[in-house]
PDB file of N, CA and C in Angstrom:
ATOM      1  N   UNK A   1     -15.495  40.425  13.853  1.00  0.00           N
ATOM      2  CA  UNK A   1     -15.890  39.275  13.617  1.00  0.00           C
ATOM      3  C   UNK A   1     -15.092  38.603  14.750  1.00  0.00           C
ATOM      4  N   UNK A   2     -15.609  37.724  15.359  1.00  0.00           N
ATOM      5  CA  UNK A   2     -15.206  37.083  16.612  1.00  0.00           C
ATOM      6  C   UNK A   2     -14.678  35.553  16.571  1.00  0.00           C
ATOM      7  N   UNK A   3     -14.372  35.375  17.685  1.00  0.00           N
ATOM      8  CA  UNK A   3     -13.115  33.806  16.514  1.00  0.00           C
ATOM      9  C   UNK A   3     -14.816  33.075  16.451  1.00  0.00           C
ATOM     10  N   UNK A   4     -15.929  32.649  16.750  1.00  0.00           N
ATOM     11  CA  UNK A   4     -16.659  31.611  16.446  1.00  0.00           C
ATOM     12  C   UNK A   4     -17.146  31.955  15.653  1.00  0.00           C
ATOM     13  N   UNK A   5     -17.406  33.164  14.892  1.00  0.00           N
ATOM     14  CA  UNK A   5     -18.113  33.580  13.516  1.00  0.00           C
ATOM     15  C   UNK A   5     -16.804  32.979  12.507  1.00  0.00           C
ATOM     16  N   UNK A   6     -15.812  33.367  12.908  1.00  0.00           N
ATOM     17  CA  UNK A   6     -14.807  32.942  12.000  1.00  0.00           C
ATOM     18  C   UNK A   6     -14.277  31.717  11.636  1.00  0.00           C
ATOM     19  N   UNK A   7     -14.513  30.101  13.016  1.00  0.00           N
ATOM     20  CA  UNK A   7     -14.280  29.180  12.796  1.00  0.00           C
ATOM     21  C   UNK A   7     -15.778  28.640  11.898  1.00  0.00           C
ATOM     22  N   UNK A   8     -16.714  29.201  12.121  1.00  0.00           N
ATOM     23  CA  UNK A   8     -18.187  29.044  11.730  1.00  0.00           C
ATOM     24  C   UNK A   8     -17.934  28.860  10.130  1.00  0.00           C
ATOM     25  N   UNK A   9     -17.714  30.286   9.405  1.00  0.00           N
ATOM     26  CA  UNK A   9     -17.222  30.545   8.062  1.00  0.00           C
ATOM     27  C   UNK A   9     -16.073  29.400   7.915  1.00  0.00           C
ATOM     28  N   UNK A  10     -15.248  29.304   8.372  1.00  0.00           N
ATOM     29  CA  UNK A  10     -14.154  28.213   7.818  1.00  0.00           C
ATOM     30  C   UNK A  10     -14.630  27.071   7.638  1.00  0.00           C
ATOM     31  N   UNK A  11     -15.316  26.381   8.346  1.00  0.00           N
ATOM     32  CA  UNK A  11     -16.368  25.072   8.544  1.00  0.00           C
ATOM     33  C   UNK A  11     -17.096  25.013   7.489  1.00  0.00           C
ATOM     34  N   UNK A  12     -17.701  26.041   6.940  1.00  0.00           N
ATOM     35  CA  UNK A  12     -18.582  26.533   6.175  1.00  0.00           C
ATOM     36  C   UNK A  12     -18.087  26.187   4.273  1.00  0.00           C
ATOM     37  N   UNK A  13     -16.541  27.277   4.553  1.00  0.00           N
ATOM     38  CA  UNK A  13     -16.215  27.148   3.195  1.00  0.00           C
ATOM     39  C   UNK A  13     -15.545  25.401   3.020  1.00  0.00           C
ATOM     40  N   UNK A  14     -14.828  24.954   4.115  1.00  0.00           N
ATOM     41  CA  UNK A  14     -13.906  23.765   4.741  1.00  0.00           C
ATOM     42  C   UNK A  14     -15.460  22.511   3.910  1.00  0.00           C
ATOM     43  N   UNK A  15     -16.588  22.463   4.123  1.00  0.00           N
ATOM     44  CA  UNK A  15     -17.539  21.636   3.514  1.00  0.00           C
ATOM     45  C   UNK A  15     -18.035  21.664   2.309  1.00  0.00           C
ATOM     46  N   UNK A  16     -18.052  23.176   2.120  1.00  0.00           N
ATOM     47  CA  UNK A  16     -18.085  22.890   0.708  1.00  0.00           C
ATOM     48  C   UNK A  16     -16.989  22.779  -0.377  1.00  0.00           C
ATOM     49  N   UNK A  17     -15.745  22.925  -0.210  1.00  0.00           N
ATOM     50  CA  UNK A  17     -14.510  22.079  -0.761  1.00  0.00           C
ATOM     51  C   UNK A  17     -14.118  20.862  -0.876  1.00  0.00           C
ATOM     52  N   UNK A  18     -14.616  20.514   0.708  1.00  0.00           N
ATOM     53  CA  UNK A  18     -15.003  18.581   0.558  1.00  0.00           C
ATOM     54  C   UNK A  18     -15.658  18.580  -0.224  1.00  0.00           C
ATOM     55  N   UNK A  19     -17.174  18.592  -0.341  1.00  0.00           N
ATOM     56  CA  UNK A  19     -18.303  18.326  -1.301  1.00  0.00           C
ATOM     57  C   UNK A  19     -17.955  18.233  -2.728  1.00  0.00           C
ATOM     58  N   UNK A  20     -17.177  19.496  -3.008  1.00  0.00           N
ATOM     59  CA  UNK A  20     -16.889  19.154  -4.536  1.00  0.00           C
ATOM     60  C   UNK A  20     -15.478  18.759  -5.007  1.00  0.00           C
ATOM     61  N   UNK A  21     -14.798  18.106  -3.888  1.00  0.00           N
ATOM     62  CA  UNK A  21     -13.618  17.288  -3.979  1.00  0.00           C
ATOM     63  C   UNK A  21     -14.347  15.792  -4.272  1.00  0.00           C
ATOM     64  N   UNK A  22     -15.176  15.441  -3.412  1.00  0.00           N
ATOM     65  CA  UNK A  22     -15.675  14.508  -3.035  1.00  0.00           C
ATOM     66  C   UNK A  22     -16.693  14.179  -4.248  1.00  0.00           C
ATOM     67  N   UNK A  23     -17.393  15.415  -5.490  1.00  0.00           N
ATOM     68  CA  UNK A  23     -18.519  14.751  -6.517  1.00  0.00           C
ATOM     69  C   UNK A  23     -17.044  14.536  -8.143  1.00  0.00           C
ATOM     70  N   UNK A  24     -15.953  15.258  -7.423  1.00  0.00           N
ATOM     71  CA  UNK A  24     -14.785  15.549  -8.273  1.00  0.00           C
ATOM     72  C   UNK A  24     -13.777  13.731  -8.339  1.00  0.00           C
ATOM     73  N   UNK A  25     -13.896  13.314  -6.945  1.00  0.00           N
ATOM     74  CA  UNK A  25     -13.604  12.118  -7.115  1.00  0.00           C
ATOM     75  C   UNK A  25     -14.484  10.880  -7.297  1.00  0.00           C
ATOM     76  N   UNK A  26     -15.970  10.993  -7.082  1.00  0.00           N
ATOM     77  CA  UNK A  26     -17.112  10.098  -7.647  1.00  0.00           C
ATOM     78  C   UNK A  26     -16.780  10.084  -9.642  1.00  0.00           C
ATOM     79  N   UNK A  27     -16.355  11.243  -9.731  1.00  0.00           N
ATOM     80  CA  UNK A  27     -16.336  11.056 -11.502  1.00  0.00           C
ATOM     81  C   UNK A  27     -15.210  10.624 -12.182  1.00  0.00           C
ATOM     82  N   UNK A  28     -13.829  10.676 -11.146  1.00  0.00           N
ATOM     83  CA  UNK A  28     -12.792  10.000 -11.996  1.00  0.00           C
ATOM     84  C   UNK A  28     -12.915   8.698 -11.408  1.00  0.00           C
ATOM     85  N   UNK A  29     -13.805   7.896 -10.444  1.00  0.00           N
ATOM     86  CA  UNK A  29     -13.637   6.674 -10.512  1.00  0.00           C
ATOM     87  C   UNK A  29     -14.744   6.339 -11.408  1.00  0.00           C
ATOM     88  N   UNK A  30     -15.706   7.051 -11.869  1.00  0.00           N
ATOM     89  CA  UNK A  30     -17.054   6.130 -13.004  1.00  0.00           C
ATOM     90  C   UNK A  30     -15.956   6.461 -14.294  1.00  0.00           C
ATOM     91  N   UNK A  31     -15.378   7.492 -14.988  1.00  0.00           N
ATOM     92  CA  UNK A  31     -14.597   7.932 -15.970  1.00  0.00           C
ATOM     93  C   UNK A  31     -12.983   7.331 -15.958  1.00  0.00           C
ATOM     94  N   UNK A  32     -12.759   6.743 -15.172  1.00  0.00           N
ATOM     95  CA  UNK A  32     -11.204   5.735 -15.477  1.00  0.00           C
ATOM     96  C   UNK A  32     -10.346   6.621 -16.048  1.00  0.00           C
ATOM     97  N   UNK A  33      -9.929   6.569 -16.586  1.00  0.00           N
ATOM     98  CA  UNK A  33      -9.565   5.349 -17.785  1.00  0.00           C
ATOM     99  C   UNK A  33      -8.987   4.211 -17.216  1.00  0.00           C
ATOM    100  N   UNK A  34      -8.381   4.466 -16.589  1.00  0.00           N
ATOM    101  CA  UNK A  34      -7.904   2.544 -16.184  1.00  0.00           C
ATOM    102  C   UNK A  34      -7.826   2.434 -14.361  1.00  0.00           C
ATOM    103  N   UNK A  35      -7.558   1.146 -14.372  1.00  0.00           N
ATOM    104  CA  UNK A  35      -7.847   1.091 -13.086  1.00  0.00           C
ATOM    105  C   UNK A  35      -6.790   1.317 -12.064  1.00  0.00           C
ATOM    106  N   UNK A  36      -5.424   1.785 -12.009  1.00  0.00           N
ATOM    107  CA  UNK A  36      -5.435   3.161 -11.335  1.00  0.00           C
ATOM    108  C   UNK A  36      -4.990   4.008 -11.315  1.00  0.00           C
ATOM    109  N   UNK A  37      -6.212   4.560 -11.934  1.00  0.00           N
ATOM    110  CA  UNK A  37      -6.613   5.852 -11.655  1.00  0.00           C
ATOM    111  C   UNK A  37      -8.009   5.747 -11.031  1.00  0.00           C
ATOM    112  N   UNK A  38      -8.687   4.402 -11.303  1.00  0.00           N
ATOM    113  CA  UNK A  38      -9.698   4.303 -10.302  1.00  0.00           C
ATOM    114  C   UNK A  38      -9.054   4.068  -8.873  1.00  0.00           C
ATOM    115  N   UNK A  39      -7.958   3.425  -8.711  1.00  0.00           N
ATOM    116  CA  UNK A  39      -7.785   3.099  -7.333  1.00  0.00           C
ATOM    117  C   UNK A  39      -7.064   4.277  -6.638  1.00  0.00           C
ATOM    118  N   UNK A  40      -6.205   5.243  -7.269  1.00  0.00           N
ATOM    119  CA  UNK A  40      -5.900   6.747  -6.811  1.00  0.00           C
ATOM    120  C   UNK A  40      -7.061   7.513  -6.245  1.00  0.00           C
ATOM    121  N   UNK A  41      -8.024   7.449  -7.105  1.00  0.00           N
ATOM    122  CA  UNK A  41      -9.354   8.098  -6.876  1.00  0.00           C
ATOM    123  C   UNK A  41     -10.320   7.630  -5.468  1.00  0.00           C
ATOM    124  N   UNK A  42      -9.874   6.366  -5.716  1.00  0.00           N
ATOM    125  CA  UNK A  42     -10.598   5.703  -4.533  1.00  0.00           C
ATOM    126  C   UNK A  42      -9.736   6.413  -3.099  1.00  0.00           C
ATOM    127  N   UNK A  43      -8.475   6.225  -2.947  1.00  0.00           N
ATOM    128  CA  UNK A  43      -8.283   6.581  -2.114  1.00  0.00           C
ATOM    129  C   UNK A  43      -8.277   8.046  -1.892  1.00  0.00           C
ATOM    130  N   UNK A  44      -7.913   8.715  -2.607  1.00  0.00           N
ATOM    131  CA  UNK A  44      -8.480  10.387  -2.439  1.00  0.00           C
ATOM    132  C   UNK A  44      -9.756  10.667  -2.114  1.00  0.00           C
ATOM    133  N   UNK A  45     -10.917   9.639  -2.378  1.00  0.00           N
ATOM    134  CA  UNK A  45     -12.125   9.398  -1.483  1.00  0.00           C
ATOM    135  C   UNK A  45     -11.848   9.444  -0.133  1.00  0.00           C
ATOM    136  N   UNK A  46     -11.212   8.134  -0.106  1.00  0.00           N
ATOM    137  CA  UNK A  46     -11.103   7.693   1.416  1.00  0.00           C
ATOM    138  C   UNK A  46     -10.416   9.368   2.254  1.00  0.00           C
ATOM    139  N   UNK A  47      -9.306   9.699   1.634  1.00  0.00           N
ATOM    140  CA  UNK A  47      -8.451  10.866   2.109  1.00  0.00           C
ATOM    141  C   UNK A  47      -9.647  11.994   2.476  1.00  0.00           C
ATOM    142  N   UNK A  48     -10.392  12.334   1.538  1.00  0.00           N
ATOM    143  CA  UNK A  48     -12.024  13.695   1.804  1.00  0.00           C
ATOM    144  C   UNK A  48     -12.585  12.928   2.963  1.00  0.00           C
ATOM    145  N   UNK A  49     -13.167  11.953   2.695  1.00  0.00           N
ATOM    146  CA  UNK A  49     -14.257  11.231   3.999  1.00  0.00           C
ATOM    147  C   UNK A  49     -13.220  11.845   5.585  1.00  0.00           C
ATOM    148  N   UNK A  50     -11.813  11.067   5.349  1.00  0.00           N
ATOM    149  CA  UNK A  50     -11.387  11.562   6.613  1.00  0.00           C
ATOM    150  C   UNK A  50     -11.323  12.890   6.950  1.00  0.00           C
ATOM    151  N   UNK A  51     -10.971  14.197   6.214  1.00  0.00           N
ATOM    152  CA  UNK A  51     -11.296  15.286   6.504  1.00  0.00           C
ATOM    153  C   UNK A  51     -12.656  15.962   6.662  1.00  0.00           C
ATOM    154  N   UNK A  52     -13.590  15.053   6.142  1.00  0.00           N
ATOM    155  CA  UNK A  52     -14.926  15.177   6.099  1.00  0.00           C
ATOM    156  C   UNK A  52     -15.360  15.166   7.452  1.00  0.00           C
ATOM    157  N   UNK A  53     -15.074  14.140   8.281  1.00  0.00           N
ATOM    158  CA  UNK A  53     -15.062  13.551   9.451  1.00  0.00           C
ATOM    159  C   UNK A  53     -14.227  14.154  11.047  1.00  0.00           C
ATOM    160  N   UNK A  54     -13.623  14.544  10.448  1.00  0.00           N
ATOM    161  CA  UNK A  54     -12.708  15.828  10.870  1.00  0.00           C
ATOM    162  C   UNK A  54     -13.205  16.795  11.246  1.00  0.00           C
ATOM    163  N   UNK A  55     -13.382  17.469  10.015  1.00  0.00           N
ATOM    164  CA  UNK A  55     -13.825  18.833  10.276  1.00  0.00           C
ATOM    165  C   UNK A  55     -15.593  18.917  11.065  1.00  0.00           C
ATOM    166  N   UNK A  56     -16.182  17.920  10.736  1.00  0.00           N
ATOM    167  CA  UNK A  56     -17.380  17.498  11.489  1.00  0.00           C
ATOM    168  C   UNK A  56     -17.491  17.376  12.808  1.00  0.00           C
ATOM    169  N   UNK A  57     -16.389  17.024  13.331  1.00  0.00           N
ATOM    170  CA  UNK A  57     -15.856  16.670  14.852  1.00  0.00           C
ATOM    171  C   UNK A  57     -15.772  17.820  15.452  1.00  0.00           C
ATOM    172  N   UNK A  58     -14.570  18.814  14.474  1.00  0.00           N
ATOM    173  CA  UNK A  58     -14.748  20.493  15.291  1.00  0.00           C
ATOM    174  C   UNK A  58     -15.811  20.750  15.588  1.00  0.00           C
ATOM    175  N   UNK A  59     -16.879  20.766  14.254  1.00  0.00           N
ATOM    176  CA  UNK A  59     -18.293  21.456  14.164  1.00  0.00           C
ATOM    177  C   UNK A  59     -18.920  20.913  15.355  1.00  0.00           C
ATOM    178  N   UNK A  60     -18.894  19.675  15.764  1.00  0.00           N
ATOM    179  CA  UNK A  60     -19.747  19.167  16.787  1.00  0.00           C
ATOM    180  C   UNK A  60     -19.165  19.138  18.378  1.00  0.00           C
ATOM    181  N   UNK A  61     -17.664  19.085  18.208  1.00  0.00           N
ATOM    182  CA  UNK A  61     -16.730  19.681  19.520  1.00  0.00           C
ATOM    183  C   UNK A  61     -16.505  17.776  20.417  1.00  0.00           C
ATOM    184  N   UNK A  62     -17.269  17.165  19.389  1.00  0.00           N
ATOM    185  CA  UNK A  62     -17.116  15.179  20.063  1.00  0.00           C
ATOM    186  C   UNK A  62     -15.693  15.187  19.673  1.00  0.00           C
ATOM    187  N   UNK A  63     -15.055  14.432  20.632  1.00  0.00           N
ATOM    188  CA  UNK A  63     -12.882  14.427  20.192  1.00  0.00           C
ATOM    189  C   UNK A  63     -13.333  12.744  19.106  1.00  0.00           C
ATOM    190  N   UNK A  64     -15.055  12.086  19.161  1.00  0.00           N
ATOM    191  CA  UNK A  64     -14.648  10.382  18.888  1.00  0.00           C
ATOM    192  C   UNK A  64     -14.683  10.630  17.725  1.00  0.00           C
ATOM    193  N   UNK A  65     -14.909  11.357  16.842  1.00  0.00           N
ATOM    194  CA  UNK A  65     -14.831  11.415  15.347  1.00  0.00           C
ATOM    195  C   UNK A  65     -13.375  11.482  15.309  1.00  0.00           C
ATOM    196  N   UNK A  66     -12.005  12.104  16.138  1.00  0.00           N
ATOM    197  CA  UNK A  66     -11.460  12.216  15.271  1.00  0.00           C
ATOM    198  C   UNK A  66     -10.260  10.471  15.552  1.00  0.00           C
ATOM    199  N   UNK A  67     -10.934   9.729  16.067  1.00  0.00           N
ATOM    200  CA  UNK A  67     -10.727   8.235  16.575  1.00  0.00           C
ATOM    201  C   UNK A  67     -11.437   7.814  15.257  1.00  0.00           C
ATOM    202  N   UNK A  68     -12.314   7.939  15.051  1.00  0.00           N
ATOM    203  CA  UNK A  68     -13.471   7.504  13.730  1.00  0.00           C
ATOM    204  C   UNK A  68     -12.530   7.673  12.545  1.00  0.00           C
ATOM    205  N   UNK A  69     -12.185   9.069  12.479  1.00  0.00           N
ATOM    206  CA  UNK A  69     -11.305   9.002  10.907  1.00  0.00           C
ATOM    207  C   UNK A  69     -10.104   8.850  10.833  1.00  0.00           C
ATOM    208  N   UNK A  70      -8.876   8.311  12.216  1.00  0.00           N
ATOM    209  CA  UNK A  70      -7.777   8.210  12.379  1.00  0.00           C
ATOM    210  C   UNK A  70      -8.314   6.167  11.828  1.00  0.00           C
ATOM    211  N   UNK A  71      -9.171   5.721  12.355  1.00  0.00           N
ATOM    212  CA  UNK A  71      -9.442   4.360  11.795  1.00  0.00           C
ATOM    213  C   UNK A  71      -9.678   4.060  10.385  1.00  0.00           C
ATOM    214  N   UNK A  72     -10.312   5.033   9.878  1.00  0.00           N
ATOM    215  CA  UNK A  72     -10.604   4.718   8.498  1.00  0.00           C
ATOM    216  C   UNK A  72      -9.357   4.945   7.556  1.00  0.00           C
ATOM    217  N   UNK A  73      -8.737   6.143   8.144  1.00  0.00           N
ATOM    218  CA  UNK A  73      -7.514   6.594   7.569  1.00  0.00           C
ATOM    219  C   UNK A  73      -6.055   5.653   7.391  1.00  0.00           C
ATOM    220  N   UNK A  74      -6.507   4.469   8.126  1.00  0.00           N
ATOM    221  CA  UNK A  74      -5.825   2.946   8.402  1.00  0.00           C
ATOM    222  C   UNK A  74      -6.463   2.119   7.276  1.00  0.00           C
ATOM    223  N   UNK A  75      -7.665   1.726   7.296  1.00  0.00           N
ATOM    224  CA  UNK A  75      -8.653   1.078   6.580  1.00  0.00           C
ATOM    225  C   UNK A  75      -8.126   1.654   5.572  1.00  0.00           C
ATOM    226  N   UNK A  76      -8.540   2.618   4.625  1.00  0.00           N
ATOM    227  CA  UNK A  76      -8.186   3.408   3.751  1.00  0.00           C
ATOM    228  C   UNK A  76      -6.702   3.037   2.942  1.00  0.00           C
ATOM    229  N   UNK A  77      -5.710   2.930   4.031  1.00  0.00           N
ATOM    230  CA  UNK A  77      -4.402   3.003   3.336  1.00  0.00           C
ATOM    231  C   UNK A  77      -4.450   1.442   3.372  1.00  0.00           C
ATOM    232  N   UNK A  78      -4.563   0.330   4.181  1.00  0.00           N
ATOM    233  CA  UNK A  78      -4.039  -0.680   3.752  1.00  0.00           C
ATOM    234  C   UNK A  78      -5.143  -1.318   2.763  1.00  0.00           C
ATOM    235  N   UNK A  79      -6.165  -0.549   2.520  1.00  0.00           N
ATOM    236  CA  UNK A  79      -6.850  -1.183   1.353  1.00  0.00           C
ATOM    237  C   UNK A  79      -6.677  -0.753  -0.180  1.00  0.00           C
ATOM    238  N   UNK A  80      -5.519   0.810  -0.025  1.00  0.00           N
ATOM    239  CA  UNK A  80      -5.032   0.943  -1.019  1.00  0.00           C
ATOM    240  C   UNK A  80      -3.881   0.398  -1.592  1.00  0.00           C
ATOM    241  N   UNK A  81      -2.927  -0.442  -0.413  1.00  0.00           N
ATOM    242  CA  UNK A  81      -1.974  -0.852  -0.746  1.00  0.00           C
ATOM    243  C   UNK A  81      -2.230  -2.415  -0.834  1.00  0.00           C
ATOM    244  N   UNK A  82      -3.709  -2.939  -0.641  1.00  0.00           N
ATOM    245  CA  UNK A  82      -4.190  -4.485  -1.508  1.00  0.00           C
ATOM    246  C   UNK A  82      -4.644  -4.289  -2.292  1.00  0.00           C
ATOM    247  N   UNK A  83      -5.576  -3.186  -3.204  1.00  0.00           N
ATOM    248  CA  UNK A  83      -5.670  -3.276  -4.450  1.00  0.00           C
ATOM    249  C   UNK A  83      -4.171  -2.543  -5.141  1.00  0.00           C
ATOM    250  N   UNK A  84      -3.245  -1.921  -4.915  1.00  0.00           N
ATOM    251  CA  UNK A  84      -2.069  -1.697  -5.607  1.00  0.00           C
ATOM    252  C   UNK A  84      -1.311  -3.581  -5.883  1.00  0.00           C
ATOM    253  N   UNK A  85      -1.381  -4.222  -4.721  1.00  0.00           N
ATOM    254  CA  UNK A  85      -0.721  -5.566  -4.473  1.00  0.00           C
ATOM    255  C   UNK A  85      -1.850  -6.138  -6.074  1.00  0.00           C
ATOM    256  N   UNK A  86      -2.947  -6.123  -6.161  1.00  0.00           N
ATOM    257  CA  UNK A  86      -3.786  -6.715  -6.756  1.00  0.00           C
ATOM    258  C   UNK A  86      -3.498  -6.419  -8.229  1.00  0.00           C
ATOM    259  N   UNK A  87      -3.022  -5.231  -8.450  1.00  0.00           N
ATOM    260  CA  UNK A  87      -2.838  -4.487  -9.989  1.00  0.00           C
ATOM    261  C   UNK A  87      -1.402  -5.617 -10.382  1.00  0.00           C
ATOM    262  N   UNK A  88      -0.268  -5.368  -9.508  1.00  0.00           N
ATOM    263  CA  UNK A  88       1.106  -5.831  -9.390  1.00  0.00           C
ATOM    264  C   UNK A  88       0.920  -7.510  -9.785  1.00  0.00           C
ATOM    265  N   UNK A  89       0.089  -8.366  -9.233  1.00  0.00           N
ATOM    266  CA  UNK A  89      -0.495  -9.477  -9.508  1.00  0.00           C
ATOM    267  C   UNK A  89      -1.025  -9.898 -10.770  1.00  0.00           C
ATOM    268  N   UNK A  90      -2.011  -9.068 -10.888  1.00  0.00           N
ATOM    269  CA  UNK A  90      -2.683  -9.353 -12.141  1.00  0.00           C
ATOM    270  C   UNK A  90      -1.473  -9.087 -13.156  1.00  0.00           C
ATOM    271  N   UNK A  91      -0.863  -8.324 -13.312  1.00  0.00           N
ATOM    272  CA  UNK A  91       0.561  -8.372 -14.498  1.00  0.00           C
ATOM    273  C   UNK A  91       0.903  -9.393 -14.270  1.00  0.00           C
ATOM    274  N   UNK A  92       1.296 -10.008 -13.313  1.00  0.00           N
ATOM    275  CA  UNK A  92       2.592 -11.128 -13.315  1.00  0.00           C
ATOM    276  C   UNK A  92       1.567 -12.158 -13.794  1.00  0.00           C
ATOM    277  N   UNK A  93       0.224 -12.472 -13.601  1.00  0.00           N
ATOM    278  CA  UNK A  93      -0.560 -13.354 -13.862  1.00  0.00           C
ATOM    279  C   UNK A  93      -0.870 -13.401 -15.892  1.00  0.00           C
ATOM    280  N   UNK A  94      -0.558 -12.405 -16.286  1.00  0.00           N
ATOM    281  CA  UNK A  94      -0.523 -11.785 -17.325  1.00  0.00           C
ATOM    282  C   UNK A  94       0.502 -12.535 -18.390  1.00  0.00           C
ATOM    283  N   UNK A  95       1.371 -12.514 -17.373  1.00  0.00           N
ATOM    284  CA  UNK A  95       2.727 -12.806 -18.369  1.00  0.00           C
ATOM    285  C   UNK A  95       3.227 -14.429 -18.259  1.00  0.00           C
ATOM    286  N   UNK A  96       2.268 -14.751 -17.205  1.00  0.00           N
ATOM    287  CA  UNK A  96       2.601 -16.235 -17.142  1.00  0.00           C
ATOM    288  C   UNK A  96       1.420 -17.400 -17.964  1.00  0.00           C
ATOM    289  N   UNK A  97       0.562 -16.137 -18.692  1.00  0.00           N
ATOM    290  CA  UNK A  97      -0.494 -16.988 -19.813  1.00  0.00           C
ATOM    291  C   UNK A  97       0.322 -16.836 -21.057  1.00  0.00           C
ATOM    292  N   UNK A  98       1.183 -16.203 -21.247  1.00  0.00           N
ATOM    293  CA  UNK A  98       1.942 -15.667 -22.732  1.00  0.00           C
ATOM    294  C   UNK A  98       1.426 -14.519 -23.009  1.00  0.00           C
ATOM    295  N   UNK A  99       0.637 -13.216 -22.318  1.00  0.00           N
ATOM    296  CA  UNK A  99       0.435 -12.170 -23.208  1.00  0.00           C
ATOM    297  C   UNK A  99       1.353 -11.675 -22.551  1.00  0.00           C
ATOM    298  N   UNK A 100       1.163 -10.016 -23.594  1.00  0.00           N
ATOM    299  CA  UNK A 100       2.715  -9.351 -23.607  1.00  0.00           C
ATOM    300  C   UNK A 100       2.145  -8.216 -22.590  1.00  0.00           C
ATOM    301  N   UNK A 101       2.937  -7.861 -21.756  1.00  0.00           N
ATOM    302  CA  UNK A 101       2.825  -6.997 -20.361  1.00  0.00           C
ATOM    303  C   UNK A 101       3.164  -5.640 -21.036  1.00  0.00           C
ATOM    304  N   UNK A 102       2.004  -4.771 -21.124  1.00  0.00           N
ATOM    305  CA  UNK A 102       2.114  -3.794 -21.321  1.00  0.00           C
ATOM    306  C   UNK A 102       3.047  -2.936 -20.299  1.00  0.00           C
ATOM    307  N   UNK A 103       4.168  -2.097 -20.708  1.00  0.00           N
ATOM    308  CA  UNK A 103       5.068  -1.424 -20.261  1.00  0.00           C
ATOM    309  C   UNK A 103       4.798   0.284 -20.171  1.00  0.00           C
ATOM    310  N   UNK A 104       5.165   0.830 -19.592  1.00  0.00           N
ATOM    311  CA  UNK A 104       4.878   2.677 -19.680  1.00  0.00           C
ATOM    312  C   UNK A 104       5.999   3.264 -20.620  1.00  0.00           C
ATOM    313  N   UNK A 105       7.130   2.241 -20.396  1.00  0.00           N
ATOM    314  CA  UNK A 105       8.541   2.800 -20.980  1.00  0.00           C
ATOM    315  C   UNK A 105       8.462   2.738 -22.458  1.00  0.00           C
ATOM    316  N   UNK A 106       7.329   1.548 -22.924  1.00  0.00           N
ATOM    317  CA  UNK A 106       7.745   1.173 -24.078  1.00  0.00           C
ATOM    318  C   UNK A 106       7.253   1.711 -25.229  1.00  0.00           C
ATOM    319  N   UNK A 107       6.189   3.140 -24.440  1.00  0.00           N
ATOM    320  CA  UNK A 107       5.356   4.254 -25.340  1.00  0.00           C
ATOM    321  C   UNK A 107       6.476   5.314 -26.091  1.00  0.00           C
TER     322      UNK A 107
END
């Protein structure tokens, strides 16, 4: 087995595993059950997409795909931070309305 054959086999395996991870992330986004679970699934989905783009860049030999993957990773990180702040802010607003804040330590 030559190096090119080994690389091809590894890329096929990685595309299959990344596709399975993509489908499982979509299932977690749809099923939930909570908003933080969906946010984490979206973050993982961005990571899988970055990995898919990087593997595609290796397959084609074009280095421009690495730049695209880096940009998508930065945007994904910033969107996760923004969604986390939204969830925290939503909890603070519910306290101002007089509702009871649910805390995981109370259970």
